[in-house]
Amino acid sequence: MKLSILEKKIEVKFKDKELLQRSFVHKSLDSINNNEKLEFLGDRVLGFIISKKIFEIYPNDTEGTLDKKYASLVNKNICLAIGNSLNLSEYIKTSTRKTANYKIEDKIISDSCEALIGAIFIDQGIKVVENFILKYWKDFILSTKETKVDSKTKLQEFSLKKFKILPKYKLISIKGPKHKPVFYTEVKIKSSKGVEGSGNSKKIAEQDAATSLLKKLKVL
């Protein structure tokens, strides 16, 4: 498939056509002039743009929450999804001859997506590559609004950031019938008194205790 079709689709007209071609050359075909270094660069450019964007749109999020959102946006699965939406497998060149049953590996498609980002950055600059990333990552970025951090994770992040130690949980008792027990736990962090929580499982009781302590600390 002609690369001009891809250029039209992504609305980027390359000045250096060879650079665009190289972004789809797998190392199995050419051990020197392949897309590995472009992939390396593209991965870093993608990380910078995504970091900047979520920093801007989630000003009240903690570092831990931003880190989780970041990880959900720059992983290989997202790059694969973008790569498939752009039909990048049609442009990728490997040492394997294409046949009717030939299928490009997912990792190669994902890597080529990052290599394309690197090529756009070199050829067009930061503004154009930023527009490209934000256009194709838009829906994924919007979906991160639904990311919720549970109380245990939030308390752990708070304790590690402030005291460099983990919260301590202790099972106090189990009451009620065997078929429907109620667990009672206690949690404390440095400089705090123990706060109790309860629930139908140890995990739920610990979450309840963590929520209560966070409220007491005025973190929630």
N, C-alpha and C. Protein backbone atom coordinates (compact mmCIF):
# COMPACT_ATOMS: atom_id res chain seq x y z
N MET A 1 0.84 -1.19 0.00
CA MET A 1 0.00 0.00 0.00
C MET A 1 0.89 1.26 0.00
N LYS A 2 0.51 2.25 -0.74
CA LYS A 2 1.32 3.46 -0.85
C LYS A 2 1.30 4.26 0.45
N LEU A 3 2.46 4.77 0.84
CA LEU A 3 2.56 5.55 2.06
C LEU A 3 1.82 6.88 1.96
N SER A 4 1.57 7.32 0.74
CA SER A 4 0.82 8.58 0.55
C SER A 4 -0.60 8.45 1.11
N ILE A 5 -1.13 7.22 1.10
CA ILE A 5 -2.46 6.98 1.66
C ILE A 5 -2.42 7.20 3.17
N LEU A 6 -1.35 6.71 3.79
CA LEU A 6 -1.19 6.90 5.24
C LEU A 6 -0.99 8.38 5.56
N GLU A 7 -0.19 9.07 4.76
CA GLU A 7 0.05 10.49 4.98
C GLU A 7 -1.26 11.27 4.95
N LYS A 8 -2.10 10.91 4.00
CA LYS A 8 -3.40 11.58 3.87
C LYS A 8 -4.28 11.29 5.09
N LYS A 9 -4.22 10.04 5.55
CA LYS A 9 -5.06 9.64 6.67
C LYS A 9 -4.66 10.35 7.96
N ILE A 10 -3.35 10.44 8.22
CA ILE A 10 -2.89 11.07 9.46
C ILE A 10 -2.70 12.58 9.31
N GLU A 11 -2.91 13.06 8.08
CA GLU A 11 -2.81 14.49 7.78
C GLU A 11 -1.42 15.04 8.09
N VAL A 12 -0.40 14.27 7.70
CA VAL A 12 1.00 14.69 7.85
C VAL A 12 1.71 14.42 6.53
N LYS A 13 2.22 15.47 5.92
CA LYS A 13 2.95 15.34 4.66
C LYS A 13 4.45 15.37 4.98
N PHE A 14 5.08 14.24 4.83
CA PHE A 14 6.50 14.13 5.17
C PHE A 14 7.39 14.85 4.17
N LYS A 15 8.39 15.55 4.70
CA LYS A 15 9.40 16.17 3.85
C LYS A 15 10.43 15.11 3.44
N ASP A 16 10.74 14.23 4.39
CA ASP A 16 11.71 13.15 4.15
C ASP A 16 10.96 11.82 4.02
N LYS A 17 10.69 11.42 2.79
CA LYS A 17 9.91 10.20 2.54
C LYS A 17 10.66 8.94 3.00
N GLU A 18 11.99 8.97 2.91
CA GLU A 18 12.78 7.82 3.33
C GLU A 18 12.67 7.59 4.83
N LEU A 19 12.53 8.67 5.58
CA LEU A 19 12.36 8.56 7.03
C LEU A 19 11.05 7.86 7.35
N LEU A 20 10.00 8.22 6.63
CA LEU A 20 8.71 7.58 6.82
C LEU A 20 8.79 6.09 6.46
N GLN A 21 9.46 5.77 5.37
CA GLN A 21 9.61 4.38 4.96
C GLN A 21 10.37 3.58 6.02
N ARG A 22 11.42 4.19 6.57
CA ARG A 22 12.24 3.48 7.56
C ARG A 22 11.47 3.17 8.84
N SER A 23 10.44 3.95 9.13
CA SER A 23 9.67 3.70 10.35
C SER A 23 8.91 2.38 10.29
N PHE A 24 8.86 1.76 9.11
CA PHE A 24 8.15 0.50 8.93
C PHE A 24 9.07 -0.66 8.55
N VAL A 25 10.37 -0.43 8.59
CA VAL A 25 11.32 -1.50 8.26
C VAL A 25 11.72 -2.25 9.53
N HIS A 26 11.35 -3.52 9.60
CA HIS A 26 11.68 -4.34 10.76
C HIS A 26 13.13 -4.81 10.68
N LYS A 27 13.74 -5.03 11.83
CA LYS A 27 15.15 -5.43 11.87
C LYS A 27 15.42 -6.76 11.19
N SER A 28 14.39 -7.59 11.04
CA SER A 28 14.57 -8.87 10.36
C SER A 28 14.88 -8.68 8.88
N LEU A 29 14.47 -7.55 8.33
CA LEU A 29 14.70 -7.25 6.91
C LEU A 29 16.03 -6.52 6.72
N ASP A 30 16.33 -5.60 7.63
CA ASP A 30 17.57 -4.82 7.54
C ASP A 30 18.09 -4.59 8.96
N SER A 31 19.24 -5.16 9.24
CA SER A 31 19.78 -5.08 10.61
C SER A 31 20.37 -3.72 10.95
N ILE A 32 20.54 -2.88 9.95
CA ILE A 32 21.12 -1.54 10.19
C ILE A 32 20.11 -0.43 10.00
N ASN A 33 19.54 -0.35 8.80
CA ASN A 33 18.58 0.72 8.49
C ASN A 33 17.15 0.26 8.77
N ASN A 34 16.86 0.08 10.05
CA ASN A 34 15.51 -0.35 10.46
C ASN A 34 14.87 0.69 11.38
N ASN A 35 13.74 0.36 11.97
CA ASN A 35 12.98 1.35 12.75
C ASN A 35 13.24 1.32 14.25
N GLU A 36 14.23 0.58 14.70
CA GLU A 36 14.46 0.43 16.14
C GLU A 36 14.75 1.76 16.84
N LYS A 37 15.63 2.57 16.25
CA LYS A 37 15.97 3.85 16.90
C LYS A 37 14.81 4.83 16.84
N LEU A 38 14.03 4.77 15.78
CA LEU A 38 12.84 5.63 15.69
C LEU A 38 11.81 5.19 16.73
N GLU A 39 11.72 3.89 16.96
CA GLU A 39 10.82 3.37 17.99
C GLU A 39 11.26 3.87 19.37
N PHE A 40 12.56 3.81 19.62
CA PHE A 40 13.13 4.30 20.88
C PHE A 40 12.76 5.77 21.11
N LEU A 41 12.94 6.57 20.08
CA LEU A 41 12.61 8.00 20.18
C LEU A 41 11.11 8.21 20.34
N GLY A 42 10.33 7.51 19.53
CA GLY A 42 8.88 7.67 19.57
C GLY A 42 8.29 7.33 20.92
N ASP A 43 8.83 6.31 21.56
CA ASP A 43 8.38 5.91 22.90
C ASP A 43 8.57 7.06 23.88
N ARG A 44 9.70 7.74 23.80
CA ARG A 44 9.98 8.87 24.71
C ARG A 44 9.13 10.09 24.39
N VAL A 45 8.92 10.34 23.11
CA VAL A 45 8.08 11.48 22.70
C VAL A 45 6.64 11.24 23.15
N LEU A 46 6.15 10.03 22.94
CA LEU A 46 4.80 9.68 23.38
C LEU A 46 4.65 9.87 24.88
N GLY A 47 5.64 9.40 25.63
CA GLY A 47 5.61 9.54 27.08
C GLY A 47 5.56 10.99 27.52
N PHE A 48 6.35 11.83 26.86
CA PHE A 48 6.37 13.26 27.21
C PHE A 48 5.02 13.92 26.94
N ILE A 49 4.46 13.68 25.75
CA ILE A 49 3.19 14.31 25.37
C ILE A 49 2.05 13.85 26.28
N ILE A 50 1.99 12.56 26.56
CA ILE A 50 0.93 12.04 27.42
C ILE A 50 1.10 12.55 28.85
N SER A 51 2.33 12.57 29.35
CA SER A 51 2.58 13.10 30.70
C SER A 51 2.12 14.54 30.81
N LYS A 52 2.47 15.34 29.82
CA LYS A 52 2.10 16.76 29.81
C LYS A 52 0.59 16.92 29.78
N LYS A 53 -0.09 16.11 28.97
CA LYS A 53 -1.54 16.24 28.81
C LYS A 53 -2.28 15.87 30.09
N ILE A 54 -1.94 14.73 30.70
CA ILE A 54 -2.68 14.34 31.91
C ILE A 54 -2.31 15.25 33.10
N PHE A 55 -1.11 15.82 33.07
CA PHE A 55 -0.73 16.79 34.10
C PHE A 55 -1.63 18.02 34.01
N GLU A 56 -1.97 18.40 32.78
CA GLU A 56 -2.80 19.59 32.55
C GLU A 56 -4.27 19.34 32.88
N ILE A 57 -4.79 18.17 32.50
CA ILE A 57 -6.24 17.95 32.65
C ILE A 57 -6.63 17.35 33.99
N TYR A 58 -5.65 16.88 34.76
CA TYR A 58 -5.95 16.34 36.10
C TYR A 58 -5.09 17.04 37.16
N PRO A 59 -5.29 18.34 37.36
CA PRO A 59 -4.44 19.11 38.27
C PRO A 59 -4.55 18.69 39.74
N ASN A 60 -5.63 18.03 40.10
CA ASN A 60 -5.82 17.65 41.50
C ASN A 60 -5.42 16.21 41.81
N ASP A 61 -4.98 15.48 40.79
CA ASP A 61 -4.58 14.10 41.00
C ASP A 61 -3.22 14.00 41.70
N THR A 62 -3.04 12.97 42.49
CA THR A 62 -1.75 12.73 43.11
C THR A 62 -0.79 12.16 42.08
N GLU A 63 0.50 12.14 42.43
CA GLU A 63 1.49 11.58 41.53
C GLU A 63 1.18 10.11 41.25
N GLY A 64 0.77 9.37 42.28
CA GLY A 64 0.45 7.96 42.10
C GLY A 64 -0.70 7.73 41.13
N THR A 65 -1.73 8.57 41.22
CA THR A 65 -2.87 8.45 40.32
C THR A 65 -2.47 8.79 38.89
N LEU A 66 -1.68 9.85 38.73
CA LEU A 66 -1.21 10.23 37.39
C LEU A 66 -0.36 9.12 36.79
N ASP A 67 0.45 8.48 37.64
CA ASP A 67 1.31 7.41 37.17
C ASP A 67 0.50 6.24 36.63
N LYS A 68 -0.60 5.92 37.31
CA LYS A 68 -1.47 4.83 36.85
C LYS A 68 -2.14 5.18 35.52
N LYS A 69 -2.58 6.43 35.40
CA LYS A 69 -3.21 6.87 34.15
C LYS A 69 -2.19 6.86 33.01
N TYR A 70 -0.99 7.32 33.33
CA TYR A 70 0.09 7.33 32.33
C TYR A 70 0.37 5.92 31.83
N ALA A 71 0.51 4.98 32.76
CA ALA A 71 0.81 3.59 32.38
C ALA A 71 -0.28 2.99 31.51
N SER A 72 -1.53 3.41 31.75
CA SER A 72 -2.64 2.87 30.97
C SER A 72 -2.71 3.45 29.56
N LEU A 73 -1.94 4.53 29.32
CA LEU A 73 -2.01 5.22 28.03
C LEU A 73 -0.81 4.98 27.12
N VAL A 74 0.32 4.57 27.67
CA VAL A 74 1.53 4.44 26.84
C VAL A 74 1.97 2.99 26.68
N ASN A 75 1.13 2.05 27.07
CA ASN A 75 1.53 0.65 26.96
C ASN A 75 1.39 0.12 25.53
N LYS A 76 1.94 -1.06 25.32
CA LYS A 76 1.97 -1.67 23.98
C LYS A 76 0.57 -1.96 23.42
N ASN A 77 -0.38 -2.26 24.31
CA ASN A 77 -1.73 -2.56 23.85
C ASN A 77 -2.40 -1.35 23.19
N ILE A 78 -2.17 -0.17 23.77
CA ILE A 78 -2.74 1.05 23.20
C ILE A 78 -2.08 1.35 21.85
N CYS A 79 -0.75 1.22 21.81
CA CYS A 79 -0.03 1.46 20.55
C CYS A 79 -0.49 0.47 19.48
N LEU A 80 -0.78 -0.75 19.88
CA LEU A 80 -1.28 -1.75 18.94
C LEU A 80 -2.65 -1.34 18.41
N ALA A 81 -3.51 -0.88 19.30
CA ALA A 81 -4.85 -0.45 18.89
C ALA A 81 -4.78 0.71 17.90
N ILE A 82 -3.90 1.66 18.18
CA ILE A 82 -3.72 2.80 17.26
C ILE A 82 -3.15 2.31 15.94
N GLY A 83 -2.15 1.43 16.03
CA GLY A 83 -1.53 0.89 14.83
C GLY A 83 -2.53 0.16 13.95
N ASN A 84 -3.40 -0.60 14.58
CA ASN A 84 -4.43 -1.33 13.81
C ASN A 84 -5.44 -0.38 13.19
N SER A 85 -5.78 0.68 13.91
CA SER A 85 -6.74 1.65 13.37
C SER A 85 -6.18 2.37 12.14
N LEU A 86 -4.86 2.43 12.05
CA LEU A 86 -4.21 3.07 10.91
C LEU A 86 -3.76 2.06 9.85
N ASN A 87 -4.09 0.77 10.09
CA ASN A 87 -3.68 -0.30 9.17
C ASN A 87 -2.18 -0.33 8.91
N LEU A 88 -1.40 -0.14 9.97
CA LEU A 88 0.05 -0.08 9.80
C LEU A 88 0.65 -1.39 9.29
N SER A 89 -0.02 -2.50 9.54
CA SER A 89 0.51 -3.79 9.08
C SER A 89 0.66 -3.83 7.55
N GLU A 90 -0.10 -2.98 6.87
CA GLU A 90 -0.04 -2.93 5.41
C GLU A 90 1.27 -2.30 4.92
N TYR A 91 1.93 -1.55 5.78
CA TYR A 91 3.13 -0.83 5.38
C TYR A 91 4.41 -1.46 5.92
N ILE A 92 4.28 -2.29 6.93
CA ILE A 92 5.45 -2.89 7.59
C ILE A 92 6.15 -3.88 6.68
N LYS A 93 7.48 -3.81 6.68
CA LYS A 93 8.29 -4.70 5.86
C LYS A 93 9.17 -5.57 6.76
N THR A 94 9.02 -6.87 6.63
CA THR A 94 9.83 -7.83 7.39
C THR A 94 10.50 -8.77 6.40
N SER A 95 11.32 -9.68 6.92
CA SER A 95 12.01 -10.64 6.05
C SER A 95 11.09 -11.74 5.58
N THR A 96 9.95 -11.87 6.24
CA THR A 96 8.99 -12.91 5.88
C THR A 96 8.15 -12.47 4.69
N ARG A 97 8.06 -13.32 3.70
CA ARG A 97 7.28 -12.99 2.50
C ARG A 97 5.79 -12.99 2.82
N LYS A 98 5.10 -11.97 2.41
CA LYS A 98 3.67 -11.87 2.69
C LYS A 98 2.88 -12.84 1.81
N THR A 99 2.01 -13.59 2.47
CA THR A 99 1.12 -14.51 1.76
C THR A 99 -0.31 -14.23 2.22
N ALA A 100 -1.24 -15.00 1.70
CA ALA A 100 -2.65 -14.79 2.08
C ALA A 100 -2.87 -15.00 3.57
N ASN A 101 -2.10 -15.92 4.17
CA ASN A 101 -2.27 -16.23 5.59
C ASN A 101 -1.27 -15.52 6.49
N TYR A 102 -0.45 -14.66 5.88
CA TYR A 102 0.60 -13.99 6.65
C TYR A 102 0.01 -12.93 7.57
N LYS A 103 0.49 -12.91 8.81
CA LYS A 103 0.00 -11.93 9.79
C LYS A 103 1.18 -11.32 10.53
N ILE A 104 1.24 -10.00 10.51
CA ILE A 104 2.29 -9.29 11.24
C ILE A 104 2.03 -9.45 12.74
N GLU A 105 3.09 -9.73 13.49
CA GLU A 105 2.96 -9.88 14.94
C GLU A 105 2.50 -8.58 15.60
N ASP A 106 1.73 -8.72 16.67
CA ASP A 106 1.21 -7.54 17.38
C ASP A 106 2.32 -6.62 17.86
N LYS A 107 3.40 -7.21 18.39
CA LYS A 107 4.51 -6.39 18.90
C LYS A 107 5.14 -5.55 17.80
N ILE A 108 5.25 -6.11 16.61
CA ILE A 108 5.85 -5.38 15.49
C ILE A 108 4.96 -4.20 15.10
N ILE A 109 3.65 -4.39 15.13
CA ILE A 109 2.72 -3.30 14.83
C ILE A 109 2.82 -2.21 15.89
N SER A 110 2.85 -2.62 17.15
CA SER A 110 2.96 -1.68 18.25
C SER A 110 4.26 -0.88 18.17
N ASP A 111 5.36 -1.58 17.89
CA ASP A 111 6.66 -0.91 17.77
C ASP A 111 6.68 0.06 16.59
N SER A 112 6.03 -0.31 15.50
CA SER A 112 5.98 0.55 14.32
C SER A 112 5.18 1.82 14.58
N CYS A 113 4.16 1.70 15.43
CA CYS A 113 3.39 2.88 15.80
C CYS A 113 4.28 3.89 16.53
N GLU A 114 5.11 3.38 17.43
CA GLU A 114 6.05 4.26 18.15
C GLU A 114 7.11 4.81 17.20
N ALA A 115 7.54 3.99 16.25
CA ALA A 115 8.53 4.45 15.27
C ALA A 115 7.94 5.56 14.39
N LEU A 116 6.67 5.43 14.05
CA LEU A 116 6.00 6.47 13.26
C LEU A 116 5.97 7.78 14.04
N ILE A 117 5.71 7.70 15.33
CA ILE A 117 5.72 8.90 16.18
C ILE A 117 7.10 9.54 16.16
N GLY A 118 8.14 8.71 16.27
CA GLY A 118 9.50 9.23 16.21
C GLY A 118 9.80 9.91 14.89
N ALA A 119 9.34 9.31 13.81
CA ALA A 119 9.57 9.87 12.47
C ALA A 119 8.84 11.20 12.29
N ILE A 120 7.60 11.27 12.78
CA ILE A 120 6.84 12.52 12.69
C ILE A 120 7.54 13.62 13.46
N PHE A 121 8.05 13.28 14.63
CA PHE A 121 8.76 14.28 15.46
C PHE A 121 9.99 14.83 14.75
N ILE A 122 10.80 13.93 14.17
CA ILE A 122 12.01 14.37 13.48
C ILE A 122 11.68 15.21 12.25
N ASP A 123 10.69 14.77 11.51
CA ASP A 123 10.36 15.41 10.24
C ASP A 123 9.54 16.69 10.41
N GLN A 124 8.65 16.72 11.39
CA GLN A 124 7.69 17.82 11.49
C GLN A 124 7.81 18.66 12.77
N GLY A 125 8.45 18.13 13.79
CA GLY A 125 8.58 18.90 15.03
C GLY A 125 7.56 18.53 16.08
N ILE A 126 7.71 19.12 17.25
CA ILE A 126 6.94 18.74 18.43
C ILE A 126 5.45 19.05 18.30
N LYS A 127 5.09 20.17 17.69
CA LYS A 127 3.68 20.57 17.61
C LYS A 127 2.87 19.60 16.76
N VAL A 128 3.42 19.21 15.61
CA VAL A 128 2.70 18.29 14.72
C VAL A 128 2.56 16.92 15.36
N VAL A 129 3.62 16.43 15.99
CA VAL A 129 3.53 15.11 16.61
C VAL A 129 2.61 15.14 17.82
N GLU A 130 2.55 16.28 18.50
CA GLU A 130 1.62 16.42 19.63
C GLU A 130 0.17 16.35 19.12
N ASN A 131 -0.11 17.03 18.02
CA ASN A 131 -1.45 16.99 17.43
C ASN A 131 -1.83 15.57 17.02
N PHE A 132 -0.86 14.86 16.45
CA PHE A 132 -1.10 13.47 16.02
C PHE A 132 -1.44 12.59 17.23
N ILE A 133 -0.63 12.67 18.27
CA ILE A 133 -0.83 11.83 19.45
C ILE A 133 -2.16 12.16 20.13
N LEU A 134 -2.43 13.43 20.34
CA LEU A 134 -3.66 13.80 21.04
C LEU A 134 -4.92 13.45 20.23
N LYS A 135 -4.79 13.44 18.91
CA LYS A 135 -5.93 13.06 18.06
C LYS A 135 -6.24 11.57 18.21
N TYR A 136 -5.21 10.73 18.11
CA TYR A 136 -5.44 9.29 18.13
C TYR A 136 -5.52 8.69 19.52
N TRP A 137 -5.05 9.41 20.51
CA TRP A 137 -5.14 8.94 21.90
C TRP A 137 -6.32 9.58 22.64
N LYS A 138 -7.07 10.43 21.95
CA LYS A 138 -8.13 11.20 22.60
C LYS A 138 -9.11 10.34 23.40
N ASP A 139 -9.67 9.31 22.76
CA ASP A 139 -10.67 8.47 23.44
C ASP A 139 -10.07 7.73 24.63
N PHE A 140 -8.82 7.31 24.49
CA PHE A 140 -8.16 6.61 25.59
C PHE A 140 -7.90 7.56 26.76
N ILE A 141 -7.54 8.80 26.44
CA ILE A 141 -7.31 9.80 27.49
C ILE A 141 -8.61 10.10 28.22
N LEU A 142 -9.69 10.25 27.47
CA LEU A 142 -10.99 10.53 28.09
C LEU A 142 -11.43 9.40 29.00
N SER A 143 -11.11 8.16 28.62
CA SER A 143 -11.53 7.01 29.43
C SER A 143 -10.81 6.95 30.76
N THR A 144 -9.68 7.65 30.89
CA THR A 144 -8.94 7.63 32.16
C THR A 144 -9.68 8.41 33.24
N LYS A 145 -10.68 9.19 32.86
CA LYS A 145 -11.48 9.90 33.86
C LYS A 145 -12.20 8.92 34.78
N GLU A 146 -12.40 7.71 34.27
CA GLU A 146 -13.11 6.70 35.05
C GLU A 146 -12.19 5.96 36.02
N THR A 147 -10.88 6.24 35.93
CA THR A 147 -9.93 5.56 36.81
C THR A 147 -10.14 5.99 38.25
N LYS A 148 -10.37 5.02 39.10
CA LYS A 148 -10.57 5.30 40.51
C LYS A 148 -9.51 4.58 41.33
N VAL A 149 -8.97 5.28 42.31
CA VAL A 149 -7.96 4.68 43.17
C VAL A 149 -8.65 4.28 44.46
N ASP A 150 -8.51 3.01 44.85
CA ASP A 150 -9.17 2.55 46.07
C ASP A 150 -8.49 3.13 47.31
N SER A 151 -9.18 3.05 48.43
CA SER A 151 -8.71 3.68 49.67
C SER A 151 -7.39 3.10 50.16
N LYS A 152 -7.22 1.78 50.05
CA LYS A 152 -5.97 1.16 50.51
C LYS A 152 -4.78 1.69 49.71
N THR A 153 -4.96 1.81 48.39
CA THR A 153 -3.89 2.32 47.54
C THR A 153 -3.60 3.78 47.87
N LYS A 154 -4.65 4.56 48.06
CA LYS A 154 -4.48 5.98 48.37
C LYS A 154 -3.77 6.17 49.71
N LEU A 155 -4.14 5.36 50.71
CA LEU A 155 -3.50 5.45 52.02
C LEU A 155 -2.04 5.02 51.93
N GLN A 156 -1.79 3.99 51.14
CA GLN A 156 -0.41 3.53 50.96
C GLN A 156 0.45 4.62 50.33
N GLU A 157 -0.08 5.26 49.29
CA GLU A 157 0.67 6.33 48.63
C GLU A 157 0.93 7.49 49.59
N PHE A 158 -0.07 7.83 50.37
CA PHE A 158 0.06 8.92 51.35
C PHE A 158 1.13 8.60 52.38
N SER A 159 1.09 7.37 52.92
CA SER A 159 2.03 6.96 53.96
C SER A 159 3.47 6.88 53.43
N LEU A 160 3.61 6.33 52.23
CA LEU A 160 4.95 6.21 51.65
C LEU A 160 5.54 7.58 51.33
N LYS A 161 4.72 8.47 50.84
CA LYS A 161 5.20 9.81 50.47
C LYS A 161 5.59 10.61 51.71
N LYS A 162 4.80 10.46 52.79
CA LYS A 162 5.03 11.28 53.98
C LYS A 162 6.01 10.66 54.97
N PHE A 163 5.91 9.31 55.13
CA PHE A 163 6.71 8.66 56.17
C PHE A 163 7.66 7.58 55.64
N LYS A 164 7.57 7.26 54.37
CA LYS A 164 8.43 6.23 53.76
C LYS A 164 8.17 4.84 54.32
N ILE A 165 7.02 4.60 54.91
CA ILE A 165 6.67 3.28 55.42
C ILE A 165 5.22 2.94 55.03
N LEU A 166 4.92 1.65 54.99
CA LEU A 166 3.58 1.20 54.62
C LEU A 166 2.62 1.25 55.80
N PRO A 167 1.32 1.40 55.55
CA PRO A 167 0.32 1.31 56.62
C PRO A 167 0.35 -0.10 57.21
N LYS A 168 -0.05 -0.22 58.48
CA LYS A 168 -0.09 -1.53 59.13
C LYS A 168 -1.53 -1.92 59.42
N TYR A 169 -1.93 -3.09 58.90
CA TYR A 169 -3.28 -3.61 59.10
C TYR A 169 -3.25 -4.78 60.09
N LYS A 170 -4.28 -4.86 60.91
CA LYS A 170 -4.37 -5.96 61.88
C LYS A 170 -5.81 -6.45 61.97
N LEU A 171 -5.97 -7.76 61.88
CA LEU A 171 -7.30 -8.35 62.03
C LEU A 171 -7.63 -8.40 63.52
N ILE A 172 -8.72 -7.75 63.91
CA ILE A 172 -9.10 -7.68 65.32
C ILE A 172 -9.99 -8.85 65.71
N SER A 173 -11.03 -9.10 64.93
CA SER A 173 -11.94 -10.19 65.26
C SER A 173 -12.82 -10.54 64.07
N ILE A 174 -13.46 -11.71 64.17
CA ILE A 174 -14.44 -12.15 63.19
C ILE A 174 -15.70 -12.53 63.96
N LYS A 175 -16.78 -11.89 63.64
CA LYS A 175 -18.04 -12.14 64.36
C LYS A 175 -19.13 -12.59 63.39
N GLY A 176 -20.22 -13.10 63.98
CA GLY A 176 -21.36 -13.52 63.16
C GLY A 176 -21.27 -14.98 62.77
N PRO A 177 -22.30 -15.49 62.11
CA PRO A 177 -22.33 -16.90 61.70
C PRO A 177 -21.30 -17.21 60.62
N LYS A 178 -20.93 -18.48 60.49
CA LYS A 178 -19.90 -18.89 59.54
C LYS A 178 -20.28 -18.58 58.09
N HIS A 179 -21.57 -18.69 57.80
CA HIS A 179 -21.99 -18.44 56.41
C HIS A 179 -22.06 -16.95 56.08
N LYS A 180 -22.01 -16.11 57.11
CA LYS A 180 -22.05 -14.66 56.88
C LYS A 180 -21.24 -13.93 57.94
N PRO A 181 -19.92 -14.12 57.92
CA PRO A 181 -19.08 -13.50 58.94
C PRO A 181 -18.87 -12.01 58.70
N VAL A 182 -18.55 -11.31 59.77
CA VAL A 182 -18.19 -9.89 59.68
C VAL A 182 -16.77 -9.75 60.23
N PHE A 183 -15.89 -9.22 59.39
CA PHE A 183 -14.49 -9.04 59.79
C PHE A 183 -14.28 -7.62 60.32
N TYR A 184 -13.47 -7.53 61.37
CA TYR A 184 -13.13 -6.24 61.96
C TYR A 184 -11.60 -6.09 61.91
N THR A 185 -11.15 -5.02 61.27
CA THR A 185 -9.70 -4.79 61.15
C THR A 185 -9.35 -3.40 61.67
N GLU A 186 -8.06 -3.23 61.87
CA GLU A 186 -7.56 -1.92 62.31
C GLU A 186 -6.38 -1.55 61.42
N VAL A 187 -6.29 -0.27 61.10
CA VAL A 187 -5.16 0.21 60.32
C VAL A 187 -4.58 1.44 61.00
N LYS A 188 -3.26 1.57 60.90
CA LYS A 188 -2.60 2.76 61.42
C LYS A 188 -1.37 3.07 60.58
N ILE A 189 -1.03 4.34 60.54
CA ILE A 189 0.22 4.76 59.93
C ILE A 189 1.00 5.53 60.99
N LYS A 190 2.22 5.87 60.70
CA LYS A 190 3.06 6.58 61.65
C LYS A 190 2.36 7.86 62.11
N SER A 191 2.36 8.08 63.39
CA SER A 191 1.78 9.28 64.04
C SER A 191 0.25 9.26 64.10
N SER A 192 -0.38 8.13 63.72
CA SER A 192 -1.83 8.08 63.82
C SER A 192 -2.25 6.97 64.78
N LYS A 193 -3.43 7.12 65.35
CA LYS A 193 -4.00 6.07 66.18
C LYS A 193 -4.66 5.05 65.26
N GLY A 194 -4.89 3.85 65.78
CA GLY A 194 -5.53 2.82 64.98
C GLY A 194 -6.98 3.17 64.70
N VAL A 195 -7.41 2.92 63.48
CA VAL A 195 -8.79 3.18 63.08
C VAL A 195 -9.39 1.87 62.58
N GLU A 196 -10.60 1.58 63.03
CA GLU A 196 -11.23 0.31 62.70
C GLU A 196 -12.11 0.38 61.45
N GLY A 197 -12.28 -0.79 60.86
CA GLY A 197 -13.18 -0.93 59.73
C GLY A 197 -13.80 -2.31 59.77
N SER A 198 -14.89 -2.49 59.07
CA SER A 198 -15.57 -3.79 59.07
C SER A 198 -16.11 -4.11 57.69
N GLY A 199 -16.38 -5.42 57.47
CA GLY A 199 -16.93 -5.84 56.19
C GLY A 199 -17.10 -7.34 56.15
N ASN A 200 -17.73 -7.83 55.07
CA ASN A 200 -18.00 -9.26 54.95
C ASN A 200 -16.80 -10.08 54.50
N SER A 201 -15.66 -9.40 54.30
CA SER A 201 -14.40 -10.09 54.01
C SER A 201 -13.28 -9.25 54.61
N LYS A 202 -12.13 -9.88 54.75
CA LYS A 202 -10.98 -9.15 55.31
C LYS A 202 -10.60 -7.98 54.40
N LYS A 203 -10.67 -8.22 53.09
CA LYS A 203 -10.31 -7.18 52.13
C LYS A 203 -11.24 -5.98 52.23
N ILE A 204 -12.54 -6.24 52.34
CA ILE A 204 -13.52 -5.15 52.44
C ILE A 204 -13.33 -4.40 53.76
N ALA A 205 -13.04 -5.14 54.83
CA ALA A 205 -12.83 -4.50 56.14
C ALA A 205 -11.61 -3.59 56.10
N GLU A 206 -10.55 -4.02 55.42
CA GLU A 206 -9.35 -3.20 55.31
C GLU A 206 -9.61 -1.94 54.48
N GLN A 207 -10.40 -2.08 53.42
CA GLN A 207 -10.77 -0.91 52.62
C GLN A 207 -11.58 0.07 53.45
N ASP A 208 -12.49 -0.45 54.27
CA ASP A 208 -13.33 0.38 55.11
C ASP A 208 -12.49 1.12 56.14
N ALA A 209 -11.53 0.41 56.72
CA ALA A 209 -10.64 1.04 57.71
C ALA A 209 -9.78 2.12 57.06
N ALA A 210 -9.27 1.81 55.85
CA ALA A 210 -8.44 2.79 55.14
C ALA A 210 -9.24 4.04 54.80
N THR A 211 -10.49 3.87 54.37
CA THR A 211 -11.36 5.01 54.06
C THR A 211 -11.58 5.87 55.29
N SER A 212 -11.83 5.22 56.43
CA SER A 212 -12.07 5.96 57.68
C SER A 212 -10.83 6.75 58.10
N LEU A 213 -9.67 6.13 57.97
CA LEU A 213 -8.43 6.82 58.35
C LEU A 213 -8.14 7.99 57.42
N LEU A 214 -8.38 7.79 56.12
CA LEU A 214 -8.17 8.88 55.16
C LEU A 214 -9.07 10.07 55.47
N LYS A 215 -10.30 9.79 55.86
CA LYS A 215 -11.23 10.86 56.22
C LYS A 215 -10.77 11.58 57.48
N LYS A 216 -10.26 10.78 58.42
CA LYS A 216 -9.76 11.35 59.66
C LYS A 216 -8.56 12.24 59.41
N LEU A 217 -7.73 11.82 58.46
CA LEU A 217 -6.54 12.59 58.10
C LEU A 217 -6.87 13.74 57.14
N LYS A 218 -8.15 13.78 56.72
CA LYS A 218 -8.63 14.79 55.78
C LYS A 218 -7.93 14.71 54.42
N VAL A 219 -7.64 13.46 54.03
CA VAL A 219 -7.06 13.22 52.71
C VAL A 219 -8.15 12.96 51.70
N LEU A 220 -9.27 12.37 52.14
CA LEU A 220 -10.41 12.16 51.26
C LEU A 220 -11.29 13.39 51.27
